[in-house]
């Protein structure tokens, strides 16, 4: 989940150099990771991903100003998962 969210952040038009980390966000009963390099804070139309750090370990991926940007975010996430040794794209 963390690597996936990192990839989404790295595909962002704003703050793509920032690495998201889970933290104790007010209002949640567990740490949450959020990736959003958006022009408008809280804009759900822009590419973002967030996940509570507990089972069932689900990442909520949303937005993307275009199909191409959403696809770019997924590709960056796949690359990040491979960099961390979590998936093997060459032998998939």
C-alpha atoms as a PDB file:
ATOM      1  CA  UNK A   1       0.000   0.000   0.000  1.00  0.00           C
ATOM      2  CA  UNK A   2       2.778   2.395   0.877  1.00  0.00           C
ATOM      3  CA  UNK A   3       4.676   1.716  -2.364  1.00  0.00           C
ATOM      4  CA  UNK A   4       1.485   2.099  -4.418  1.00  0.00           C
ATOM      5  CA  UNK A   5       0.734   5.466  -2.796  1.00  0.00           C
ATOM      6  CA  UNK A   6       4.340   6.564  -3.317  1.00  0.00           C
ATOM      7  CA  UNK A   7       3.953   5.883  -7.044  1.00  0.00           C
ATOM      8  CA  UNK A   8       0.774   7.953  -7.205  1.00  0.00           C
ATOM      9  CA  UNK A   9       2.513  10.833  -5.423  1.00  0.00           C
ATOM     10  CA  UNK A  10       5.502  10.630  -7.791  1.00  0.00           C
ATOM     11  CA  UNK A  11       3.089  10.985 -10.750  1.00  0.00           C
ATOM     12  CA  UNK A  12       1.554  14.163  -9.332  1.00  0.00           C
ATOM     13  CA  UNK A  13       1.874  17.552 -11.037  1.00  0.00           C
ATOM     14  CA  UNK A  14       2.490  19.207  -7.644  1.00  0.00           C
ATOM     15  CA  UNK A  15       4.861  17.941  -4.934  1.00  0.00           C
ATOM     16  CA  UNK A  16       5.962  14.888  -6.936  1.00  0.00           C
ATOM     17  CA  UNK A  17       9.246  14.982  -4.989  1.00  0.00           C
ATOM     18  CA  UNK A  18       7.415  14.323  -1.691  1.00  0.00           C
ATOM     19  CA  UNK A  19       7.275  10.790  -0.255  1.00  0.00           C
ATOM     20  CA  UNK A  20       4.003  10.092   1.567  1.00  0.00           C
ATOM     21  CA  UNK A  21       4.184   8.286   4.899  1.00  0.00           C
ATOM     22  CA  UNK A  22       1.467   6.859   7.152  1.00  0.00           C
ATOM     23  CA  UNK A  23       0.540   9.085  10.086  1.00  0.00           C
ATOM     24  CA  UNK A  24      -2.010   9.422  12.868  1.00  0.00           C
ATOM     25  CA  UNK A  25      -4.555  11.637  11.145  1.00  0.00           C
ATOM     26  CA  UNK A  26      -7.251  13.126  13.393  1.00  0.00           C
ATOM     27  CA  UNK A  27     -10.595  11.367  13.022  1.00  0.00           C
ATOM     28  CA  UNK A  28      -9.154   7.960  12.144  1.00  0.00           C
ATOM     29  CA  UNK A  29      -8.574   5.051  14.522  1.00  0.00           C
ATOM     30  CA  UNK A  30      -5.349   4.025  12.760  1.00  0.00           C
ATOM     31  CA  UNK A  31      -2.526   5.539  10.738  1.00  0.00           C
ATOM     32  CA  UNK A  32      -3.472   6.650   7.218  1.00  0.00           C
ATOM     33  CA  UNK A  33      -1.332   7.224   4.137  1.00  0.00           C
ATOM     34  CA  UNK A  34      -2.420   9.850   1.624  1.00  0.00           C
ATOM     35  CA  UNK A  35      -0.919  10.700  -1.740  1.00  0.00           C
ATOM     36  CA  UNK A  36      -2.196  13.789  -3.515  1.00  0.00           C
ATOM     37  CA  UNK A  37      -0.135  16.236  -5.477  1.00  0.00           C
ATOM     38  CA  UNK A  38      -3.133  18.342  -6.378  1.00  0.00           C
ATOM     39  CA  UNK A  39      -3.516  21.974  -7.293  1.00  0.00           C
ATOM     40  CA  UNK A  40      -6.520  22.291  -4.963  1.00  0.00           C
ATOM     41  CA  UNK A  41      -6.338  20.723  -1.505  1.00  0.00           C
ATOM     42  CA  UNK A  42      -8.955  18.005  -1.138  1.00  0.00           C
ATOM     43  CA  UNK A  43      -9.913  17.950  -4.832  1.00  0.00           C
ATOM     44  CA  UNK A  44     -11.224  14.455  -5.546  1.00  0.00           C
ATOM     45  CA  UNK A  45     -11.108  14.954  -9.326  1.00  0.00           C
ATOM     46  CA  UNK A  46      -7.315  15.125  -9.244  1.00  0.00           C
ATOM     47  CA  UNK A  47      -5.130  12.026  -9.006  1.00  0.00           C
ATOM     48  CA  UNK A  48      -4.901  10.760  -5.431  1.00  0.00           C
ATOM     49  CA  UNK A  49      -4.750   7.638  -3.304  1.00  0.00           C
ATOM     50  CA  UNK A  50      -5.299   7.018   0.384  1.00  0.00           C
ATOM     51  CA  UNK A  51      -5.401   3.995   2.636  1.00  0.00           C
ATOM     52  CA  UNK A  52      -6.022   3.187   6.285  1.00  0.00           C
ATOM     53  CA  UNK A  53      -3.128   1.072   7.548  1.00  0.00           C
ATOM     54  CA  UNK A  54      -5.157  -1.931   8.710  1.00  0.00           C
ATOM     55  CA  UNK A  55      -6.901  -4.959   7.259  1.00  0.00           C
ATOM     56  CA  UNK A  56      -8.281  -5.415   4.670  1.00  0.00           C
ATOM     57  CA  UNK A  57      -5.452  -3.179   3.378  1.00  0.00           C
ATOM     58  CA  UNK A  58      -7.417  -1.361   0.697  1.00  0.00           C
ATOM     59  CA  UNK A  59      -6.089   1.628  -1.240  1.00  0.00           C
ATOM     60  CA  UNK A  60      -8.671   4.120  -2.469  1.00  0.00           C
ATOM     61  CA  UNK A  61      -7.393   5.375  -5.835  1.00  0.00           C
ATOM     62  CA  UNK A  62      -9.364   8.145  -7.479  1.00  0.00           C
ATOM     63  CA  UNK A  63      -9.279  11.011  -9.884  1.00  0.00           C
ATOM     64  CA  UNK A  64      -6.935  11.826 -12.662  1.00  0.00           C
ATOM     65  CA  UNK A  65      -7.560  14.856 -14.813  1.00  0.00           C
ATOM     66  CA  UNK A  66      -7.411  12.589 -17.859  1.00  0.00           C
ATOM     67  CA  UNK A  67      -7.196   8.902 -18.714  1.00  0.00           C
ATOM     68  CA  UNK A  68      -3.524   9.371 -19.564  1.00  0.00           C
ATOM     69  CA  UNK A  69      -2.716  10.924 -16.188  1.00  0.00           C
ATOM     70  CA  UNK A  70      -4.514   8.158 -14.279  1.00  0.00           C
ATOM     71  CA  UNK A  71      -2.681   5.550 -16.386  1.00  0.00           C
ATOM     72  CA  UNK A  72       0.635   7.325 -15.714  1.00  0.00           C
ATOM     73  CA  UNK A  73      -0.096   7.147 -11.978  1.00  0.00           C
ATOM     74  CA  UNK A  74      -0.748   3.408 -12.152  1.00  0.00           C
ATOM     75  CA  UNK A  75       2.446   2.867 -14.178  1.00  0.00           C
ATOM     76  CA  UNK A  76       4.473   4.867 -11.625  1.00  0.00           C
ATOM     77  CA  UNK A  77       2.927   2.773  -8.848  1.00  0.00           C
ATOM     78  CA  UNK A  78       3.793  -0.473 -10.641  1.00  0.00           C
ATOM     79  CA  UNK A  79       7.364   0.773 -11.128  1.00  0.00           C
ATOM     80  CA  UNK A  80       7.614   1.643  -7.428  1.00  0.00           C
ATOM     81  CA  UNK A  81       6.288  -1.787  -6.413  1.00  0.00           C
ATOM     82  CA  UNK A  82       8.909  -3.395  -8.654  1.00  0.00           C
ATOM     83  CA  UNK A  83      11.706  -1.143  -7.294  1.00  0.00           C
ATOM     84  CA  UNK A  84      10.867  -2.340  -3.787  1.00  0.00           C
ATOM     85  CA  UNK A  85      10.848  -5.994  -4.890  1.00  0.00           C
ATOM     86  CA  UNK A  86       7.143  -6.436  -4.201  1.00  0.00           C
ATOM     87  CA  UNK A  87       6.270  -7.515  -7.759  1.00  0.00           C
ATOM     88  CA  UNK A  88       8.209  -8.852 -10.735  1.00  0.00           C
ATOM     89  CA  UNK A  89       6.990  -7.319 -13.975  1.00  0.00           C
ATOM     90  CA  UNK A  90       9.616  -9.004 -16.135  1.00  0.00           C
ATOM     91  CA  UNK A  91       8.370 -12.508 -15.313  1.00  0.00           C
ATOM     92  CA  UNK A  92       4.674 -11.708 -15.015  1.00  0.00           C
END
